[in-house]
Amino acid sequence: AAGLVAAIGFALLPAAVYYDGLVQKASLASFLLCLFLFAIA
Protein backbone atom coordinates (compact mmCIF):
# COMPACT_ATOMS: atom_id res chain seq x y z
CA ALA A 1 0.00 0.00 0.00
CA ALA A 2 2.83 2.39 0.87
CA GLY A 3 4.59 1.50 -2.38
CA LEU A 4 1.54 2.38 -4.45
CA VAL A 5 1.02 5.67 -2.60
CA ALA A 6 4.67 6.64 -3.08
CA ALA A 7 4.60 5.81 -6.80
CA ILE A 8 1.35 7.69 -7.42
CA GLY A 9 2.52 10.69 -5.42
CA PHE A 10 5.80 10.89 -7.34
CA ALA A 11 4.06 10.37 -10.69
CA LEU A 12 1.79 13.36 -10.07
CA LEU A 13 4.24 15.65 -8.26
CA PRO A 14 4.33 18.87 -10.34
CA ALA A 15 7.93 19.66 -9.41
CA ALA A 16 9.05 16.23 -10.67
CA VAL A 17 7.14 16.69 -13.93
CA TYR A 18 8.58 20.18 -14.32
CA TYR A 19 12.21 19.19 -13.79
CA ASP A 20 11.93 16.16 -16.07
CA GLY A 21 11.06 18.64 -18.82
CA LEU A 22 14.05 20.95 -18.26
CA VAL A 23 17.57 20.63 -19.60
CA GLN A 24 18.84 20.46 -16.02
CA LYS A 25 20.54 17.75 -13.98
CA ALA A 26 17.61 17.44 -11.54
CA SER A 27 15.92 14.79 -13.70
CA LEU A 28 18.98 12.52 -13.81
CA ALA A 29 19.60 13.13 -10.10
CA SER A 30 16.05 12.08 -9.20
CA PHE A 31 16.39 8.90 -11.24
CA LEU A 32 19.71 7.98 -9.64
CA LEU A 33 18.40 8.76 -6.16
CA CYS A 34 15.46 6.38 -6.70
CA LEU A 35 17.85 3.78 -8.13
CA PHE A 36 19.99 4.09 -4.99
CA LEU A 37 16.94 3.73 -2.72
CA PHE A 38 15.86 0.68 -4.71
CA ALA A 39 19.30 -0.90 -4.31
CA ILE A 40 19.38 -0.14 -0.59
CA ALA A 41 15.89 -1.60 -0.15
PDB file of all heavy atoms in Angstrom:
ATOM      1  N   ALA A   1       0.835  -1.202   0.000  1.00  0.00           N
ATOM      2  CA  ALA A   1       0.000   0.000   0.000  1.00  0.00           C
ATOM      3  C   ALA A   1       0.868   1.249   0.000  1.00  0.00           C
ATOM      4  O   ALA A   1       0.632   2.197  -0.768  1.00  0.00           O
ATOM      5  CB  ALA A   1      -0.927  -0.005   1.222  1.00  0.00           C
ATOM      6  N   ALA A   2       1.915   1.245   0.828  1.00  0.00           N
ATOM      7  CA  ALA A   2       2.826   2.389   0.868  1.00  0.00           C
ATOM      8  C   ALA A   2       3.552   2.551  -0.460  1.00  0.00           C
ATOM      9  O   ALA A   2       3.789   3.675  -0.921  1.00  0.00           O
ATOM     10  CB  ALA A   2       3.831   2.217   2.010  1.00  0.00           C
ATOM     11  N   GLY A   3       3.913   1.427  -1.093  1.00  0.00           N
ATOM     12  CA  GLY A   3       4.592   1.505  -2.384  1.00  0.00           C
ATOM     13  C   GLY A   3       3.728   2.137  -3.448  1.00  0.00           C
ATOM     14  O   GLY A   3       4.207   2.950  -4.250  1.00  0.00           O
ATOM     15  N   LEU A   4       2.455   1.799  -3.469  1.00  0.00           N
ATOM     16  CA  LEU A   4       1.538   2.383  -4.450  1.00  0.00           C
ATOM     17  C   LEU A   4       1.344   3.879  -4.195  1.00  0.00           C
ATOM     18  O   LEU A   4       1.333   4.683  -5.138  1.00  0.00           O
ATOM     19  CB  LEU A   4       0.194   1.660  -4.404  1.00  0.00           C
ATOM     20  CG  LEU A   4       0.185   0.204  -4.888  1.00  0.00           C
ATOM     21  CD1 LEU A   4      -1.181  -0.415  -4.670  1.00  0.00           C
ATOM     22  CD2 LEU A   4       0.582   0.129  -6.364  1.00  0.00           C
ATOM     23  N   VAL A   5       1.196   4.243  -2.932  1.00  0.00           N
ATOM     24  CA  VAL A   5       1.018   5.665  -2.602  1.00  0.00           C
ATOM     25  C   VAL A   5       2.246   6.465  -3.008  1.00  0.00           C
ATOM     26  O   VAL A   5       2.139   7.560  -3.588  1.00  0.00           O
ATOM     27  CB  VAL A   5       0.733   5.834  -1.092  1.00  0.00           C
ATOM     28  CG1 VAL A   5       0.788   7.306  -0.694  1.00  0.00           C
ATOM     29  CG2 VAL A   5      -0.625   5.244  -0.737  1.00  0.00           C
ATOM     30  N   ALA A   6       3.438   5.930  -2.725  1.00  0.00           N
ATOM     31  CA  ALA A   6       4.674   6.635  -3.080  1.00  0.00           C
ATOM     32  C   ALA A   6       4.790   6.807  -4.590  1.00  0.00           C
ATOM     33  O   ALA A   6       5.165   7.881  -5.085  1.00  0.00           O
ATOM     34  CB  ALA A   6       5.880   5.876  -2.529  1.00  0.00           C
ATOM     35  N   ALA A   7       4.481   5.743  -5.339  1.00  0.00           N
ATOM     36  CA  ALA A   7       4.595   5.812  -6.799  1.00  0.00           C
ATOM     37  C   ALA A   7       3.598   6.810  -7.379  1.00  0.00           C
ATOM     38  O   ALA A   7       3.950   7.624  -8.249  1.00  0.00           O
ATOM     39  CB  ALA A   7       4.373   4.422  -7.405  1.00  0.00           C
ATOM     40  N   ILE A   8       2.361   6.762  -6.909  1.00  0.00           N
ATOM     41  CA  ILE A   8       1.345   7.692  -7.424  1.00  0.00           C
ATOM     42  C   ILE A   8       1.708   9.130  -7.075  1.00  0.00           C
ATOM     43  O   ILE A   8       1.603  10.039  -7.910  1.00  0.00           O
ATOM     44  CB  ILE A   8      -0.042   7.327  -6.852  1.00  0.00           C
ATOM     45  CG1 ILE A   8      -0.504   5.980  -7.404  1.00  0.00           C
ATOM     46  CG2 ILE A   8      -1.068   8.406  -7.195  1.00  0.00           C
ATOM     47  CD1 ILE A   8      -1.756   5.441  -6.750  1.00  0.00           C
ATOM     48  N   GLY A   9       2.147   9.342  -5.831  1.00  0.00           N
ATOM     49  CA  GLY A   9       2.523  10.694  -5.419  1.00  0.00           C
ATOM     50  C   GLY A   9       3.656  11.261  -6.248  1.00  0.00           C
ATOM     51  O   GLY A   9       3.619  12.424  -6.662  1.00  0.00           O
ATOM     52  N   PHE A  10       4.663  10.431  -6.541  1.00  0.00           N
ATOM     53  CA  PHE A  10       5.801  10.891  -7.339  1.00  0.00           C
ATOM     54  C   PHE A  10       5.397  11.097  -8.793  1.00  0.00           C
ATOM     55  O   PHE A  10       5.876  12.017  -9.466  1.00  0.00           O
ATOM     56  CB  PHE A  10       6.938   9.886  -7.227  1.00  0.00           C
ATOM     57  CG  PHE A  10       8.262  10.387  -7.741  1.00  0.00           C
ATOM     58  CD1 PHE A  10       8.576  11.731  -7.730  1.00  0.00           C
ATOM     59  CD2 PHE A  10       9.202   9.510  -8.236  1.00  0.00           C
ATOM     60  CE1 PHE A  10       9.796  12.197  -8.200  1.00  0.00           C
ATOM     61  CE2 PHE A  10      10.426   9.950  -8.710  1.00  0.00           C
ATOM     62  CZ  PHE A  10      10.715  11.305  -8.696  1.00  0.00           C
ATOM     63  N   ALA A  11       4.515  10.247  -9.296  1.00  0.00           N
ATOM     64  CA  ALA A  11       4.060  10.370 -10.687  1.00  0.00           C
ATOM     65  C   ALA A  11       3.341  11.692 -10.921  1.00  0.00           C
ATOM     66  O   ALA A  11       3.466  12.298 -11.994  1.00  0.00           O
ATOM     67  CB  ALA A  11       3.145   9.206 -11.050  1.00  0.00           C
ATOM     68  N   LEU A  12       2.610  12.150  -9.914  1.00  0.00           N
ATOM     69  CA  LEU A  12       1.789  13.356 -10.070  1.00  0.00           C
ATOM     70  C   LEU A  12       2.466  14.617  -9.525  1.00  0.00           C
ATOM     71  O   LEU A  12       1.920  15.712  -9.697  1.00  0.00           O
ATOM     72  CB  LEU A  12       0.447  13.172  -9.353  1.00  0.00           C
ATOM     73  CG  LEU A  12      -0.431  12.006  -9.823  1.00  0.00           C
ATOM     74  CD1 LEU A  12      -1.713  11.958  -9.002  1.00  0.00           C
ATOM     75  CD2 LEU A  12      -0.746  12.135 -11.306  1.00  0.00           C
ATOM     76  N   LEU A  13       3.592  14.491  -8.877  1.00  0.00           N
ATOM     77  CA  LEU A  13       4.240  15.648  -8.256  1.00  0.00           C
ATOM     78  C   LEU A  13       4.623  16.676  -9.318  1.00  0.00           C
ATOM     79  O   LEU A  13       5.452  16.401 -10.188  1.00  0.00           O
ATOM     80  CB  LEU A  13       5.479  15.212  -7.483  1.00  0.00           C
ATOM     81  CG  LEU A  13       6.184  16.300  -6.664  1.00  0.00           C
ATOM     82  CD1 LEU A  13       5.273  16.796  -5.543  1.00  0.00           C
ATOM     83  CD2 LEU A  13       7.498  15.773  -6.103  1.00  0.00           C
ATOM     84  N   PRO A  14       4.052  17.872  -9.283  1.00  0.00           N
ATOM     85  CA  PRO A  14       4.334  18.867 -10.337  1.00  0.00           C
ATOM     86  C   PRO A  14       5.812  19.215 -10.461  1.00  0.00           C
ATOM     87  O   PRO A  14       6.317  19.387 -11.574  1.00  0.00           O
ATOM     88  CB  PRO A  14       3.506  20.078  -9.895  1.00  0.00           C
ATOM     89  CG  PRO A  14       2.397  19.504  -9.090  1.00  0.00           C
ATOM     90  CD  PRO A  14       3.007  18.343  -8.354  1.00  0.00           C
ATOM     91  N   ALA A  15       6.514  19.326  -9.336  1.00  0.00           N
ATOM     92  CA  ALA A  15       7.935  19.665  -9.410  1.00  0.00           C
ATOM     93  C   ALA A  15       8.722  18.596 -10.164  1.00  0.00           C
ATOM     94  O   ALA A  15       9.641  18.908 -10.935  1.00  0.00           O
ATOM     95  CB  ALA A  15       8.502  19.840  -8.002  1.00  0.00           C
ATOM     96  N   ALA A  16       8.365  17.316  -9.962  1.00  0.00           N
ATOM     97  CA  ALA A  16       9.049  16.234 -10.668  1.00  0.00           C
ATOM     98  C   ALA A  16       8.758  16.294 -12.164  1.00  0.00           C
ATOM     99  O   ALA A  16       9.652  16.115 -13.001  1.00  0.00           O
ATOM    100  CB  ALA A  16       8.624  14.884 -10.095  1.00  0.00           C
ATOM    101  N   VAL A  17       7.503  16.546 -12.516  1.00  0.00           N
ATOM    102  CA  VAL A  17       7.136  16.685 -13.930  1.00  0.00           C
ATOM    103  C   VAL A  17       7.876  17.863 -14.556  1.00  0.00           C
ATOM    104  O   VAL A  17       8.402  17.774 -15.676  1.00  0.00           O
ATOM    105  CB  VAL A  17       5.610  16.870 -14.067  1.00  0.00           C
ATOM    106  CG1 VAL A  17       5.226  17.135 -15.525  1.00  0.00           C
ATOM    107  CG2 VAL A  17       4.872  15.651 -13.539  1.00  0.00           C
ATOM    108  N   TYR A  18       7.931  18.959 -13.827  1.00  0.00           N
ATOM    109  CA  TYR A  18       8.576  20.177 -14.315  1.00  0.00           C
ATOM    110  C   TYR A  18      10.058  19.954 -14.592  1.00  0.00           C
ATOM    111  O   TYR A  18      10.569  20.288 -15.669  1.00  0.00           O
ATOM    112  CB  TYR A  18       8.366  21.276 -13.271  1.00  0.00           C
ATOM    113  CG  TYR A  18       9.224  22.505 -13.431  1.00  0.00           C
ATOM    114  CD1 TYR A  18       9.074  23.358 -14.519  1.00  0.00           C
ATOM    115  CD2 TYR A  18      10.164  22.844 -12.459  1.00  0.00           C
ATOM    116  CE1 TYR A  18       9.843  24.495 -14.649  1.00  0.00           C
ATOM    117  CE2 TYR A  18      10.935  23.978 -12.573  1.00  0.00           C
ATOM    118  CZ  TYR A  18      10.783  24.808 -13.670  1.00  0.00           C
ATOM    119  OH  TYR A  18      11.542  25.938 -13.790  1.00  0.00           O
ATOM    120  N   TYR A  19      10.770  19.367 -13.627  1.00  0.00           N
ATOM    121  CA  TYR A  19      12.212  19.192 -13.794  1.00  0.00           C
ATOM    122  C   TYR A  19      12.556  18.116 -14.816  1.00  0.00           C
ATOM    123  O   TYR A  19      13.617  18.185 -15.454  1.00  0.00           O
ATOM    124  CB  TYR A  19      12.864  18.877 -12.447  1.00  0.00           C
ATOM    125  CG  TYR A  19      13.041  20.118 -11.590  1.00  0.00           C
ATOM    126  CD1 TYR A  19      12.300  20.292 -10.434  1.00  0.00           C
ATOM    127  CD2 TYR A  19      13.927  21.119 -11.967  1.00  0.00           C
ATOM    128  CE1 TYR A  19      12.435  21.432  -9.654  1.00  0.00           C
ATOM    129  CE2 TYR A  19      14.076  22.253 -11.209  1.00  0.00           C
ATOM    130  CZ  TYR A  19      13.325  22.411 -10.055  1.00  0.00           C
ATOM    131  OH  TYR A  19      13.468  23.549  -9.299  1.00  0.00           O
ATOM    132  N   ASP A  20      11.681  17.132 -14.997  1.00  0.00           N
ATOM    133  CA  ASP A  20      11.927  16.157 -16.066  1.00  0.00           C
ATOM    134  C   ASP A  20      11.835  16.796 -17.446  1.00  0.00           C
ATOM    135  O   ASP A  20      12.350  16.243 -18.421  1.00  0.00           O
ATOM    136  CB  ASP A  20      10.922  15.000 -15.964  1.00  0.00           C
ATOM    137  CG  ASP A  20      11.271  14.020 -14.859  1.00  0.00           C
ATOM    138  OD1 ASP A  20      12.446  13.982 -14.461  1.00  0.00           O
ATOM    139  OD2 ASP A  20      10.365  13.294 -14.396  1.00  0.00           O
ATOM    140  N   GLY A  21      11.196  17.951 -17.536  1.00  0.00           N
ATOM    141  CA  GLY A  21      11.063  18.639 -18.822  1.00  0.00           C
ATOM    142  C   GLY A  21      12.086  19.723 -19.057  1.00  0.00           C
ATOM    143  O   GLY A  21      12.047  20.387 -20.098  1.00  0.00           O
ATOM    144  N   LEU A  22      13.014  19.927 -18.109  1.00  0.00           N
ATOM    145  CA  LEU A  22      14.047  20.950 -18.264  1.00  0.00           C
ATOM    146  C   LEU A  22      15.377  20.318 -18.654  1.00  0.00           C
ATOM    147  O   LEU A  22      15.644  19.158 -18.312  1.00  0.00           O
ATOM    148  CB  LEU A  22      14.252  21.724 -16.955  1.00  0.00           C
ATOM    149  CG  LEU A  22      13.091  22.565 -16.419  1.00  0.00           C
ATOM    150  CD1 LEU A  22      13.531  23.282 -15.150  1.00  0.00           C
ATOM    151  CD2 LEU A  22      12.607  23.563 -17.456  1.00  0.00           C
ATOM    152  N   VAL A  23      16.203  21.070 -19.340  1.00  0.00           N
ATOM    153  CA  VAL A  23      17.574  20.632 -19.598  1.00  0.00           C
ATOM    154  C   VAL A  23      18.387  21.011 -18.362  1.00  0.00           C
ATOM    155  O   VAL A  23      19.149  21.985 -18.345  1.00  0.00           O
ATOM    156  CB  VAL A  23      18.136  21.276 -20.878  1.00  0.00           C
ATOM    157  CG1 VAL A  23      19.548  20.762 -21.164  1.00  0.00           C
ATOM    158  CG2 VAL A  23      17.228  20.962 -22.068  1.00  0.00           C
ATOM    159  N   GLN A  24      18.183  20.260 -17.298  1.00  0.00           N
ATOM    160  CA  GLN A  24      18.839  20.463 -16.015  1.00  0.00           C
ATOM    161  C   GLN A  24      19.131  19.095 -15.408  1.00  0.00           C
ATOM    162  O   GLN A  24      18.442  18.107 -15.691  1.00  0.00           O
ATOM    163  CB  GLN A  24      17.956  21.281 -15.062  1.00  0.00           C
ATOM    164  CG  GLN A  24      17.651  22.692 -15.523  1.00  0.00           C
ATOM    165  CD  GLN A  24      18.841  23.631 -15.386  1.00  0.00           C
ATOM    166  OE1 GLN A  24      19.859  23.286 -14.785  1.00  0.00           O
ATOM    167  NE2 GLN A  24      18.730  24.820 -15.962  1.00  0.00           N
ATOM    168  N   LYS A  25      20.106  19.038 -14.530  1.00  0.00           N
ATOM    169  CA  LYS A  25      20.535  17.750 -13.981  1.00  0.00           C
ATOM    170  C   LYS A  25      19.571  17.175 -12.949  1.00  0.00           C
ATOM    171  O   LYS A  25      19.754  16.038 -12.504  1.00  0.00           O
ATOM    172  CB  LYS A  25      21.925  17.887 -13.360  1.00  0.00           C
ATOM    173  CG  LYS A  25      22.009  18.857 -12.189  1.00  0.00           C
ATOM    174  CD  LYS A  25      23.448  18.976 -11.708  1.00  0.00           C
ATOM    175  CE  LYS A  25      23.575  19.927 -10.528  1.00  0.00           C
ATOM    176  NZ  LYS A  25      24.985  20.047 -10.092  1.00  0.00           N
ATOM    177  N   ALA A  26      18.536  17.920 -12.557  1.00  0.00           N
ATOM    178  CA  ALA A  26      17.609  17.439 -11.535  1.00  0.00           C
ATOM    179  C   ALA A  26      16.924  16.143 -11.954  1.00  0.00           C
ATOM    180  O   ALA A  26      16.671  15.264 -11.120  1.00  0.00           O
ATOM    181  CB  ALA A  26      16.566  18.506 -11.234  1.00  0.00           C
ATOM    182  N   SER A  27      16.599  15.999 -13.235  1.00  0.00           N
ATOM    183  CA  SER A  27      15.922  14.787 -13.703  1.00  0.00           C
ATOM    184  C   SER A  27      16.805  13.560 -13.522  1.00  0.00           C
ATOM    185  O   SER A  27      16.369  12.533 -12.982  1.00  0.00           O
ATOM    186  CB  SER A  27      15.521  14.937 -15.174  1.00  0.00           C
ATOM    187  OG  SER A  27      14.924  13.755 -15.655  1.00  0.00           O
ATOM    188  N   LEU A  28      18.054  13.643 -13.959  1.00  0.00           N
ATOM    189  CA  LEU A  28      18.977  12.523 -13.808  1.00  0.00           C
ATOM    190  C   LEU A  28      19.262  12.257 -12.335  1.00  0.00           C
ATOM    191  O   LEU A  28      19.367  11.095 -11.915  1.00  0.00           O
ATOM    192  CB  LEU A  28      20.280  12.816 -14.557  1.00  0.00           C
ATOM    193  CG  LEU A  28      21.355  11.720 -14.534  1.00  0.00           C
ATOM    194  CD1 LEU A  28      20.810  10.425 -15.125  1.00  0.00           C
ATOM    195  CD2 LEU A  28      22.602  12.177 -15.278  1.00  0.00           C
ATOM    196  N   ALA A  29      19.359  13.303 -11.530  1.00  0.00           N
ATOM    197  CA  ALA A  29      19.604  13.133 -10.102  1.00  0.00           C
ATOM    198  C   ALA A  29      18.448  12.405  -9.426  1.00  0.00           C
ATOM    199  O   ALA A  29      18.659  11.522  -8.585  1.00  0.00           O
ATOM    200  CB  ALA A  29      19.829  14.494  -9.441  1.00  0.00           C
ATOM    201  N   SER A  30      17.218  12.750  -9.782  1.00  0.00           N
ATOM    202  CA  SER A  30      16.052  12.076  -9.199  1.00  0.00           C
ATOM    203  C   SER A  30      16.038  10.595  -9.561  1.00  0.00           C
ATOM    204  O   SER A  30      15.753   9.734  -8.719  1.00  0.00           O
ATOM    205  CB  SER A  30      14.763  12.742  -9.685  1.00  0.00           C
ATOM    206  OG  SER A  30      14.670  14.070  -9.226  1.00  0.00           O
ATOM    207  N   PHE A  31      16.342  10.296 -10.815  1.00  0.00           N
ATOM    208  CA  PHE A  31      16.388   8.900 -11.243  1.00  0.00           C
ATOM    209  C   PHE A  31      17.446   8.119 -10.462  1.00  0.00           C
ATOM    210  O   PHE A  31      17.179   7.013  -9.952  1.00  0.00           O
ATOM    211  CB  PHE A  31      16.689   8.833 -12.742  1.00  0.00           C
ATOM    212  CG  PHE A  31      17.070   7.460 -13.221  1.00  0.00           C
ATOM    213  CD1 PHE A  31      16.106   6.481 -13.392  1.00  0.00           C
ATOM    214  CD2 PHE A  31      18.395   7.156 -13.484  1.00  0.00           C
ATOM    215  CE1 PHE A  31      16.462   5.195 -13.818  1.00  0.00           C
ATOM    216  CE2 PHE A  31      18.753   5.886 -13.909  1.00  0.00           C
ATOM    217  CZ  PHE A  31      17.787   4.904 -14.083  1.00  0.00           C
ATOM    218  N   LEU A  32      18.636   8.683 -10.334  1.00  0.00           N
ATOM    219  CA  LEU A  32      19.711   7.978  -9.636  1.00  0.00           C
ATOM    220  C   LEU A  32      19.429   7.855  -8.143  1.00  0.00           C
ATOM    221  O   LEU A  32      19.803   6.856  -7.515  1.00  0.00           O
ATOM    222  CB  LEU A  32      21.043   8.703  -9.873  1.00  0.00           C
ATOM    223  CG  LEU A  32      21.575   8.628 -11.310  1.00  0.00           C
ATOM    224  CD1 LEU A  32      22.800   9.513 -11.473  1.00  0.00           C
ATOM    225  CD2 LEU A  32      21.900   7.188 -11.684  1.00  0.00           C
ATOM    226  N   LEU A  33      18.772   8.850  -7.560  1.00  0.00           N
ATOM    227  CA  LEU A  33      18.396   8.757  -6.159  1.00  0.00           C
ATOM    228  C   LEU A  33      17.421   7.600  -5.952  1.00  0.00           C
ATOM    229  O   LEU A  33      17.570   6.807  -5.006  1.00  0.00           O
ATOM    230  CB  LEU A  33      17.769  10.069  -5.692  1.00  0.00           C
ATOM    231  CG  LEU A  33      17.203  10.070  -4.264  1.00  0.00           C
ATOM    232  CD1 LEU A  33      18.283   9.721  -3.247  1.00  0.00           C
ATOM    233  CD2 LEU A  33      16.576  11.419  -3.942  1.00  0.00           C
ATOM    234  N   CYS A  34      16.418   7.478  -6.817  1.00  0.00           N
ATOM    235  CA  CYS A  34      15.460   6.376  -6.705  1.00  0.00           C
ATOM    236  C   CYS A  34      16.138   5.034  -6.961  1.00  0.00           C
ATOM    237  O   CYS A  34      15.798   4.024  -6.323  1.00  0.00           O
ATOM    238  CB  CYS A  34      14.302   6.583  -7.677  1.00  0.00           C
ATOM    239  SG  CYS A  34      13.234   7.974  -7.244  1.00  0.00           S
ATOM    240  N   LEU A  35      17.099   5.012  -7.875  1.00  0.00           N
ATOM    241  CA  LEU A  35      17.849   3.777  -8.128  1.00  0.00           C
ATOM    242  C   LEU A  35      18.647   3.381  -6.888  1.00  0.00           C
ATOM    243  O   LEU A  35      18.706   2.199  -6.515  1.00  0.00           O
ATOM    244  CB  LEU A  35      18.786   3.980  -9.321  1.00  0.00           C
ATOM    245  CG  LEU A  35      19.618   2.765  -9.755  1.00  0.00           C
ATOM    246  CD1 LEU A  35      18.705   1.632 -10.201  1.00  0.00           C
ATOM    247  CD2 LEU A  35      20.592   3.154 -10.863  1.00  0.00           C
ATOM    248  N   PHE A  36      19.245   4.354  -6.223  1.00  0.00           N
ATOM    249  CA  PHE A  36      19.992   4.091  -4.989  1.00  0.00           C
ATOM    250  C   PHE A  36      19.067   3.561  -3.895  1.00  0.00           C
ATOM    251  O   PHE A  36      19.381   2.590  -3.203  1.00  0.00           O
ATOM    252  CB  PHE A  36      20.692   5.373  -4.546  1.00  0.00           C
ATOM    253  CG  PHE A  36      21.327   5.288  -3.181  1.00  0.00           C
ATOM    254  CD1 PHE A  36      22.371   4.411  -2.941  1.00  0.00           C
ATOM    255  CD2 PHE A  36      20.878   6.087  -2.146  1.00  0.00           C
ATOM    256  CE1 PHE A  36      22.953   4.315  -1.683  1.00  0.00           C
ATOM    257  CE2 PHE A  36      21.455   6.012  -0.888  1.00  0.00           C
ATOM    258  CZ  PHE A  36      22.496   5.119  -0.658  1.00  0.00           C
ATOM    259  N   LEU A  37      17.902   4.189  -3.723  1.00  0.00           N
ATOM    260  CA  LEU A  37      16.944   3.732  -2.716  1.00  0.00           C
ATOM    261  C   LEU A  37      16.475   2.306  -3.017  1.00  0.00           C
ATOM    262  O   LEU A  37      16.301   1.487  -2.109  1.00  0.00           O
ATOM    263  CB  LEU A  37      15.750   4.683  -2.658  1.00  0.00           C
ATOM    264  CG  LEU A  37      16.039   6.095  -2.153  1.00  0.00           C
ATOM    265  CD1 LEU A  37      14.789   6.962  -2.265  1.00  0.00           C
ATOM    266  CD2 LEU A  37      16.551   6.076  -0.715  1.00  0.00           C
ATOM    267  N   PHE A  38      16.268   2.013  -4.304  1.00  0.00           N
ATOM    268  CA  PHE A  38      15.857   0.676  -4.712  1.00  0.00           C
ATOM    269  C   PHE A  38      16.936  -0.352  -4.357  1.00  0.00           C
ATOM    270  O   PHE A  38      16.643  -1.441  -3.841  1.00  0.00           O
ATOM    271  CB  PHE A  38      15.577   0.663  -6.212  1.00  0.00           C
ATOM    272  CG  PHE A  38      15.231  -0.682  -6.769  1.00  0.00           C
ATOM    273  CD1 PHE A  38      13.973  -1.229  -6.570  1.00  0.00           C
ATOM    274  CD2 PHE A  38      16.158  -1.410  -7.499  1.00  0.00           C
ATOM    275  CE1 PHE A  38      13.642  -2.473  -7.087  1.00  0.00           C
ATOM    276  CE2 PHE A  38      15.843  -2.654  -8.021  1.00  0.00           C
ATOM    277  CZ  PHE A  38      14.585  -3.190  -7.813  1.00  0.00           C
ATOM    278  N   ALA A  39      18.197   0.010  -4.623  1.00  0.00           N
ATOM    279  CA  ALA A  39      19.305  -0.903  -4.315  1.00  0.00           C
ATOM    280  C   ALA A  39      19.440  -1.103  -2.813  1.00  0.00           C
ATOM    281  O   ALA A  39      19.654  -2.232  -2.340  1.00  0.00           O
ATOM    282  CB  ALA A  39      20.608  -0.366  -4.904  1.00  0.00           C
ATOM    283  N   ILE A  40      19.297  -0.028  -2.049  1.00  0.00           N
ATOM    284  CA  ILE A  40      19.381  -0.135  -0.591  1.00  0.00           C
ATOM    285  C   ILE A  40      18.247  -1.008  -0.051  1.00  0.00           C
ATOM    286  O   ILE A  40      18.437  -1.830   0.846  1.00  0.00           O
ATOM    287  CB  ILE A  40      19.328   1.263   0.053  1.00  0.00           C
ATOM    288  CG1 ILE A  40      20.653   1.996  -0.152  1.00  0.00           C
ATOM    289  CG2 ILE A  40      19.005   1.176   1.535  1.00  0.00           C
ATOM    290  CD1 ILE A  40      21.802   1.436   0.644  1.00  0.00           C
ATOM    291  N   ALA A  41      17.043  -0.828  -0.606  1.00  0.00           N
ATOM    292  CA  ALA A  41      15.894  -1.604  -0.146  1.00  0.00           C
ATOM    293  C   ALA A  41      16.076  -3.097  -0.407  1.00  0.00           C
ATOM    294  O   ALA A  41      15.495  -3.928   0.287  1.00  0.00           O
ATOM    295  CB  ALA A  41      14.624  -1.109  -0.821  1.00  0.00           C
TER     296      ALA A  41
END
